[in-house]
Amino acid sequence: MKKVLDNFIVLEGLDGSGTTTQLEKIAERFDRDEKAVHATFEPTTSALGKIVRSVLKKDLVTTPLALAMMFAADREDHLNNPVHGITHMLSRGETVLCDRYIFSSLAYQSIDCTYERISELNDFPYPAFIFYIDTPTEVCMQRIYRRDVQRELFEEDAYLDKVRQLYEKSFTDLPKEVTFVRIDGSKPIETVTEEIVETLKQHHIL
């Protein structure tokens, strides 16, 4: 059984679902309440994470398995780096709020690699909380098209439909110690934020 990291909160969802916006909103709420929080995201801004982002932006070309390995390497460092890793921050008494984690890899990389292989690469601890912002694919694509940036590797509607199915698979058989909350991502931003905040208050995290 994988370890569950207390006070580790993960936001998951399709590209365009609103996870990045909610990361900012929830971090602001922690700051307002003077609660120690470390807000972070994956891929990271480390040297490893920058390579991953170069592939996602199509500046570099590699194989699907190599990309999955890069994601896993970035996550290993993100989790266990002795200076700024997630476990280090948790040991200091901070709550860690992360935009994407192992479930993103299981959902996205399993399309071109086997689910079992991606699971093997991502044998990392579970977060204590998973907030899955469940946003319809068409809404995600509308948001992606509104961005004034080049679309990334996985930002296509047919692809996202497959990703949604694999997300559902990744959430099966979660340990009972993990609090899983599904939120309708088509609701107003403030409503989504309040639903997350309410759950964290119920568990005395906020």
C-alpha atoms as a PDB file:
ATOM      1  CA  MET A   1       0.000   0.000   0.000  1.00  0.00           C
ATOM      2  CA  LYS A   2       1.337   3.410  -0.964  1.00  0.00           C
ATOM      3  CA  LYS A   3       1.975   5.967   1.737  1.00  0.00           C
ATOM      4  CA  VAL A   4      -0.460   8.884   2.042  1.00  0.00           C
ATOM      5  CA  LEU A   5       1.105  12.279   2.730  1.00  0.00           C
ATOM      6  CA  ASP A   6      -0.855  14.345   5.227  1.00  0.00           C
ATOM      7  CA  ASN A   7      -1.502  17.995   4.310  1.00  0.00           C
ATOM      8  CA  PHE A   8      -0.665  17.314   0.663  1.00  0.00           C
ATOM      9  CA  ILE A   9      -3.432  18.621  -1.615  1.00  0.00           C
ATOM     10  CA  VAL A  10      -3.580  17.925  -5.345  1.00  0.00           C
ATOM     11  CA  LEU A  11      -5.712  19.599  -8.004  1.00  0.00           C
ATOM     12  CA  GLU A  12      -6.409  17.504 -11.096  1.00  0.00           C
ATOM     13  CA  GLY A  13      -8.371  17.992 -14.303  1.00  0.00           C
ATOM     14  CA  LEU A  14      -8.200  18.167 -18.068  1.00  0.00           C
ATOM     15  CA  ASP A  15      -6.237  20.955 -19.730  1.00  0.00           C
ATOM     16  CA  GLY A  16      -8.525  23.963 -19.551  1.00  0.00           C
ATOM     17  CA  SER A  17     -10.411  22.644 -16.517  1.00  0.00           C
ATOM     18  CA  GLY A  18      -9.226  25.464 -14.265  1.00  0.00           C
ATOM     19  CA  THR A  19      -6.677  23.785 -11.980  1.00  0.00           C
ATOM     20  CA  THR A  20      -4.142  26.602 -12.324  1.00  0.00           C
ATOM     21  CA  THR A  21      -6.741  29.248 -11.501  1.00  0.00           C
ATOM     22  CA  GLN A  22      -7.850  27.293  -8.446  1.00  0.00           C
ATOM     23  CA  LEU A  23      -4.247  26.853  -7.291  1.00  0.00           C
ATOM     24  CA  GLU A  24      -3.943  30.637  -7.176  1.00  0.00           C
ATOM     25  CA  LYS A  25      -7.326  31.136  -5.496  1.00  0.00           C
ATOM     26  CA  ILE A  26      -6.774  28.520  -2.795  1.00  0.00           C
ATOM     27  CA  ALA A  27      -3.227  29.737  -2.083  1.00  0.00           C
ATOM     28  CA  GLU A  28      -4.632  33.250  -1.654  1.00  0.00           C
ATOM     29  CA  ARG A  29      -7.157  31.888   0.855  1.00  0.00           C
ATOM     30  CA  PHE A  30      -4.374  30.252   2.876  1.00  0.00           C
ATOM     31  CA  ASP A  31      -2.435  33.509   2.867  1.00  0.00           C
ATOM     32  CA  ARG A  32      -5.499  35.479   3.930  1.00  0.00           C
ATOM     33  CA  ASP A  33      -6.030  33.118   6.850  1.00  0.00           C
ATOM     34  CA  GLU A  34      -2.299  33.282   7.694  1.00  0.00           C
ATOM     35  CA  LYS A  35      -1.864  29.550   7.161  1.00  0.00           C
ATOM     36  CA  ALA A  36       1.501  28.306   5.887  1.00  0.00           C
ATOM     37  CA  VAL A  37       1.163  26.928   2.353  1.00  0.00           C
ATOM     38  CA  HIS A  38       3.572  25.970  -0.403  1.00  0.00           C
ATOM     39  CA  ALA A  39       1.854  26.279  -3.798  1.00  0.00           C
ATOM     40  CA  THR A  40       3.519  24.382  -6.616  1.00  0.00           C
ATOM     41  CA  PHE A  41       2.809  22.630  -9.930  1.00  0.00           C
ATOM     42  CA  GLU A  42       3.953  19.981 -12.370  1.00  0.00           C
ATOM     43  CA  PRO A  43       5.846  19.973 -14.624  1.00  0.00           C
ATOM     44  CA  THR A  44       8.061  22.102 -12.396  1.00  0.00           C
ATOM     45  CA  THR A  45      10.366  24.965 -13.304  1.00  0.00           C
ATOM     46  CA  SER A  46      13.442  22.869 -12.509  1.00  0.00           C
ATOM     47  CA  ALA A  47      15.907  21.878 -15.229  1.00  0.00           C
ATOM     48  CA  LEU A  48      14.034  18.580 -15.569  1.00  0.00           C
ATOM     49  CA  GLY A  49      10.662  20.289 -15.732  1.00  0.00           C
ATOM     50  CA  LYS A  50      11.872  22.716 -18.385  1.00  0.00           C
ATOM     51  CA  ILE A  51      12.806  19.805 -20.650  1.00  0.00           C
ATOM     52  CA  VAL A  52       9.318  18.363 -20.202  1.00  0.00           C
ATOM     53  CA  ARG A  53       7.762  21.713 -21.071  1.00  0.00           C
ATOM     54  CA  SER A  54       9.919  21.956 -24.190  1.00  0.00           C
ATOM     55  CA  VAL A  55       8.455  18.661 -25.386  1.00  0.00           C
ATOM     56  CA  LEU A  56       4.909  19.761 -24.552  1.00  0.00           C
ATOM     57  CA  LYS A  57       5.452  22.962 -26.524  1.00  0.00           C
ATOM     58  CA  LYS A  58       6.753  20.848 -29.427  1.00  0.00           C
ATOM     59  CA  ASP A  59      10.172  22.518 -29.299  1.00  0.00           C
ATOM     60  CA  LEU A  60      11.714  19.094 -28.713  1.00  0.00           C
ATOM     61  CA  VAL A  61      10.620  15.734 -30.113  1.00  0.00           C
ATOM     62  CA  THR A  62      11.006  12.461 -28.238  1.00  0.00           C
ATOM     63  CA  THR A  63       9.176   9.170 -27.712  1.00  0.00           C
ATOM     64  CA  PRO A  64       6.074   8.876 -25.507  1.00  0.00           C
ATOM     65  CA  LEU A  65       7.917   6.596 -23.078  1.00  0.00           C
ATOM     66  CA  ALA A  66      10.880   8.967 -22.839  1.00  0.00           C
ATOM     67  CA  LEU A  67       8.473  11.814 -22.063  1.00  0.00           C
ATOM     68  CA  ALA A  68       6.787   9.708 -19.390  1.00  0.00           C
ATOM     69  CA  MET A  69      10.187   8.987 -17.851  1.00  0.00           C
ATOM     70  CA  MET A  70      11.017  12.698 -17.874  1.00  0.00           C
ATOM     71  CA  PHE A  71       7.746  13.466 -16.079  1.00  0.00           C
ATOM     72  CA  ALA A  72       8.562  10.804 -13.485  1.00  0.00           C
ATOM     73  CA  ALA A  73      12.107  12.132 -12.994  1.00  0.00           C
ATOM     74  CA  ASP A  74      10.778  15.657 -12.535  1.00  0.00           C
ATOM     75  CA  ARG A  75       8.217  14.336 -10.033  1.00  0.00           C
ATOM     76  CA  GLU A  76      10.842  12.387  -8.072  1.00  0.00           C
ATOM     77  CA  ASP A  77      12.897  15.550  -7.673  1.00  0.00           C
ATOM     78  CA  HIS A  78       9.802  17.629  -6.959  1.00  0.00           C
ATOM     79  CA  LEU A  79       8.763  15.231  -4.228  1.00  0.00           C
ATOM     80  CA  ASN A  80      12.073  14.368  -2.595  1.00  0.00           C
ATOM     81  CA  ASN A  81      14.511  17.210  -3.276  1.00  0.00           C
ATOM     82  CA  PRO A  82      16.123  17.850   0.153  1.00  0.00           C
ATOM     83  CA  VAL A  83      16.068  21.639  -0.267  1.00  0.00           C
ATOM     84  CA  HIS A  84      12.698  22.480  -1.805  1.00  0.00           C
ATOM     85  CA  GLY A  85      10.901  19.151  -2.266  1.00  0.00           C
ATOM     86  CA  ILE A  86       7.301  18.516  -1.259  1.00  0.00           C
ATOM     87  CA  THR A  87       8.207  16.129   1.575  1.00  0.00           C
ATOM     88  CA  HIS A  88      10.676  18.686   2.937  1.00  0.00           C
ATOM     89  CA  MET A  89       7.995  21.389   2.947  1.00  0.00           C
ATOM     90  CA  LEU A  90       5.545  19.048   4.655  1.00  0.00           C
ATOM     91  CA  SER A  91       8.143  18.226   7.319  1.00  0.00           C
ATOM     92  CA  ARG A  92       8.348  21.943   8.098  1.00  0.00           C
ATOM     93  CA  GLY A  93       4.647  21.997   8.902  1.00  0.00           C
ATOM     94  CA  GLU A  94       3.489  23.604   5.663  1.00  0.00           C
ATOM     95  CA  THR A  95       0.495  22.494   3.674  1.00  0.00           C
ATOM     96  CA  VAL A  96       1.478  21.735   0.076  1.00  0.00           C
ATOM     97  CA  LEU A  97      -0.943  22.586  -2.719  1.00  0.00           C
ATOM     98  CA  CYS A  98      -0.017  21.133  -6.116  1.00  0.00           C
ATOM     99  CA  ASP A  99      -1.447  21.642  -9.597  1.00  0.00           C
ATOM    100  CA  ARG A 100      -1.220  18.110 -11.093  1.00  0.00           C
ATOM    101  CA  TYR A 101       0.489  14.989  -9.788  1.00  0.00           C
ATOM    102  CA  ILE A 102       0.658  11.257 -10.587  1.00  0.00           C
ATOM    103  CA  PHE A 103      -2.943  11.115 -11.815  1.00  0.00           C
ATOM    104  CA  SER A 104      -2.116  13.460 -14.688  1.00  0.00           C
ATOM    105  CA  SER A 105       0.602  11.092 -15.843  1.00  0.00           C
ATOM    106  CA  LEU A 106      -1.714   8.103 -15.576  1.00  0.00           C
ATOM    107  CA  ALA A 107      -4.365   9.942 -17.583  1.00  0.00           C
ATOM    108  CA  TYR A 108      -2.196  11.520 -20.261  1.00  0.00           C
ATOM    109  CA  GLN A 109       0.796   9.234 -20.761  1.00  0.00           C
ATOM    110  CA  SER A 110      -1.213   6.003 -20.640  1.00  0.00           C
ATOM    111  CA  ILE A 111      -2.692   6.774 -24.044  1.00  0.00           C
ATOM    112  CA  ASP A 112       0.597   6.165 -25.860  1.00  0.00           C
ATOM    113  CA  CYS A 113       2.162   3.850 -23.259  1.00  0.00           C
ATOM    114  CA  THR A 114       0.471   1.117 -21.260  1.00  0.00           C
ATOM    115  CA  TYR A 115      -1.322   2.102 -18.064  1.00  0.00           C
ATOM    116  CA  GLU A 116       0.726  -0.484 -16.182  1.00  0.00           C
ATOM    117  CA  ARG A 117       4.034   0.998 -17.393  1.00  0.00           C
ATOM    118  CA  ILE A 118       3.048   4.518 -16.370  1.00  0.00           C
ATOM    119  CA  SER A 119       1.876   3.219 -13.009  1.00  0.00           C
ATOM    120  CA  GLU A 120       5.253   1.557 -12.473  1.00  0.00           C
ATOM    121  CA  LEU A 121       7.061   4.805 -13.271  1.00  0.00           C
ATOM    122  CA  ASN A 122       4.898   6.719 -10.821  1.00  0.00           C
ATOM    123  CA  ASP A 123       5.110   4.619  -7.696  1.00  0.00           C
ATOM    124  CA  PHE A 124       4.942   7.700  -5.483  1.00  0.00           C
ATOM    125  CA  PRO A 125       2.939   8.414  -2.303  1.00  0.00           C
ATOM    126  CA  TYR A 126      -0.681   9.502  -2.533  1.00  0.00           C
ATOM    127  CA  PRO A 127      -1.806  12.993  -1.509  1.00  0.00           C
ATOM    128  CA  ALA A 128      -4.238  13.296   1.389  1.00  0.00           C
ATOM    129  CA  PHE A 129      -6.661  15.280  -0.788  1.00  0.00           C
ATOM    130  CA  ILE A 130      -7.525  15.074  -4.486  1.00  0.00           C
ATOM    131  CA  PHE A 131      -9.805  17.706  -5.968  1.00  0.00           C
ATOM    132  CA  TYR A 132     -10.808  16.611  -9.448  1.00  0.00           C
ATOM    133  CA  ILE A 133     -12.196  19.573 -11.371  1.00  0.00           C
ATOM    134  CA  ASP A 134     -14.478  17.666 -13.705  1.00  0.00           C
ATOM    135  CA  THR A 135     -15.034  20.006 -16.644  1.00  0.00           C
ATOM    136  CA  PRO A 136     -16.774  18.995 -19.905  1.00  0.00           C
ATOM    137  CA  THR A 137     -14.344  18.534 -22.779  1.00  0.00           C
ATOM    138  CA  GLU A 138     -16.095  21.135 -24.917  1.00  0.00           C
ATOM    139  CA  VAL A 139     -15.777  23.735 -22.147  1.00  0.00           C
ATOM    140  CA  CYS A 140     -12.064  22.928 -21.767  1.00  0.00           C
ATOM    141  CA  MET A 141     -11.509  23.342 -25.504  1.00  0.00           C
ATOM    142  CA  GLN A 142     -13.341  26.673 -25.534  1.00  0.00           C
ATOM    143  CA  ARG A 143     -11.022  27.922 -22.797  1.00  0.00           C
ATOM    144  CA  ILE A 144      -7.938  26.578 -24.562  1.00  0.00           C
ATOM    145  CA  TYR A 145      -8.904  28.291 -27.826  1.00  0.00           C
ATOM    146  CA  ARG A 146      -9.335  31.592 -25.963  1.00  0.00           C
ATOM    147  CA  ARG A 147      -5.724  31.473 -24.802  1.00  0.00           C
ATOM    148  CA  ASP A 148      -3.441  33.618 -26.926  1.00  0.00           C
ATOM    149  CA  VAL A 149      -0.712  30.969 -26.948  1.00  0.00           C
ATOM    150  CA  GLN A 150       0.295  27.985 -29.041  1.00  0.00           C
ATOM    151  CA  ARG A 151      -1.586  24.861 -28.058  1.00  0.00           C
ATOM    152  CA  GLU A 152       0.441  22.165 -26.345  1.00  0.00           C
ATOM    153  CA  LEU A 153       0.895  18.547 -27.320  1.00  0.00           C
ATOM    154  CA  PHE A 154      -2.184  17.142 -25.583  1.00  0.00           C
ATOM    155  CA  GLU A 155      -4.667  19.948 -26.224  1.00  0.00           C
ATOM    156  CA  GLU A 156      -7.027  18.326 -28.739  1.00  0.00           C
ATOM    157  CA  ASP A 157     -10.664  17.449 -28.023  1.00  0.00           C
ATOM    158  CA  ALA A 158     -10.576  13.794 -29.126  1.00  0.00           C
ATOM    159  CA  TYR A 159      -7.428  13.301 -27.095  1.00  0.00           C
ATOM    160  CA  LEU A 160      -9.003  14.909 -24.026  1.00  0.00           C
ATOM    161  CA  ASP A 161     -11.972  12.541 -24.245  1.00  0.00           C
ATOM    162  CA  LYS A 162      -9.547   9.630 -23.893  1.00  0.00           C
ATOM    163  CA  VAL A 163      -7.735  11.409 -21.076  1.00  0.00           C
ATOM    164  CA  ARG A 164     -11.025  11.793 -19.206  1.00  0.00           C
ATOM    165  CA  GLN A 165     -11.595   8.032 -19.330  1.00  0.00           C
ATOM    166  CA  LEU A 166      -8.113   7.333 -17.993  1.00  0.00           C
ATOM    167  CA  TYR A 167      -8.545   9.880 -15.217  1.00  0.00           C
ATOM    168  CA  GLU A 168     -11.558   7.884 -14.061  1.00  0.00           C
ATOM    169  CA  LYS A 169      -9.472   4.729 -14.064  1.00  0.00           C
ATOM    170  CA  SER A 170      -6.714   6.428 -12.039  1.00  0.00           C
ATOM    171  CA  PHE A 171      -9.188   7.293  -9.273  1.00  0.00           C
ATOM    172  CA  THR A 172     -10.388   3.736  -8.733  1.00  0.00           C
ATOM    173  CA  ASP A 173      -9.191   1.886  -5.643  1.00  0.00           C
ATOM    174  CA  LEU A 174      -7.870   4.952  -3.830  1.00  0.00           C
ATOM    175  CA  PRO A 175      -6.944   4.258  -0.187  1.00  0.00           C
ATOM    176  CA  LYS A 176      -9.632   5.196   2.317  1.00  0.00           C
ATOM    177  CA  GLU A 177      -7.184   7.689   3.825  1.00  0.00           C
ATOM    178  CA  VAL A 178      -7.400   9.783   0.641  1.00  0.00           C
ATOM    179  CA  THR A 179     -10.188  12.352   0.458  1.00  0.00           C
ATOM    180  CA  PHE A 180     -11.407  12.491  -3.145  1.00  0.00           C
ATOM    181  CA  VAL A 181     -13.714  15.334  -4.190  1.00  0.00           C
ATOM    182  CA  ARG A 182     -15.221  15.719  -7.644  1.00  0.00           C
ATOM    183  CA  ILE A 183     -16.205  19.291  -8.519  1.00  0.00           C
ATOM    184  CA  ASP A 184     -18.171  20.524 -11.522  1.00  0.00           C
ATOM    185  CA  GLY A 185     -15.626  22.697 -13.312  1.00  0.00           C
ATOM    186  CA  SER A 186     -18.259  24.367 -15.472  1.00  0.00           C
ATOM    187  CA  LYS A 187     -19.487  26.258 -12.406  1.00  0.00           C
ATOM    188  CA  PRO A 188     -18.261  29.827 -11.783  1.00  0.00           C
ATOM    189  CA  ILE A 189     -14.655  30.075 -10.580  1.00  0.00           C
ATOM    190  CA  GLU A 190     -15.716  31.429  -7.176  1.00  0.00           C
ATOM    191  CA  THR A 191     -18.146  28.533  -6.647  1.00  0.00           C
ATOM    192  CA  VAL A 192     -15.421  25.961  -7.369  1.00  0.00           C
ATOM    193  CA  THR A 193     -13.088  27.752  -4.960  1.00  0.00           C
ATOM    194  CA  GLU A 194     -15.680  27.768  -2.197  1.00  0.00           C
ATOM    195  CA  GLU A 195     -16.367  24.053  -2.601  1.00  0.00           C
ATOM    196  CA  ILE A 196     -12.670  23.301  -2.183  1.00  0.00           C
ATOM    197  CA  VAL A 197     -12.368  25.663   0.776  1.00  0.00           C
ATOM    198  CA  GLU A 198     -15.399  24.111   2.484  1.00  0.00           C
ATOM    199  CA  THR A 199     -13.881  20.622   2.269  1.00  0.00           C
ATOM    200  CA  LEU A 200     -10.563  21.842   3.655  1.00  0.00           C
ATOM    201  CA  LYS A 201     -12.363  23.579   6.513  1.00  0.00           C
ATOM    202  CA  GLN A 202     -14.246  20.392   7.342  1.00  0.00           C
ATOM    203  CA  HIS A 203     -10.892  18.632   7.693  1.00  0.00           C
ATOM    204  CA  HIS A 204      -9.375  21.526   9.669  1.00  0.00           C
ATOM    205  CA  ILE A 205      -6.805  22.316   7.012  1.00  0.00           C
ATOM    206  CA  LEU A 206      -8.159  25.850   6.620  1.00  0.00           C
END
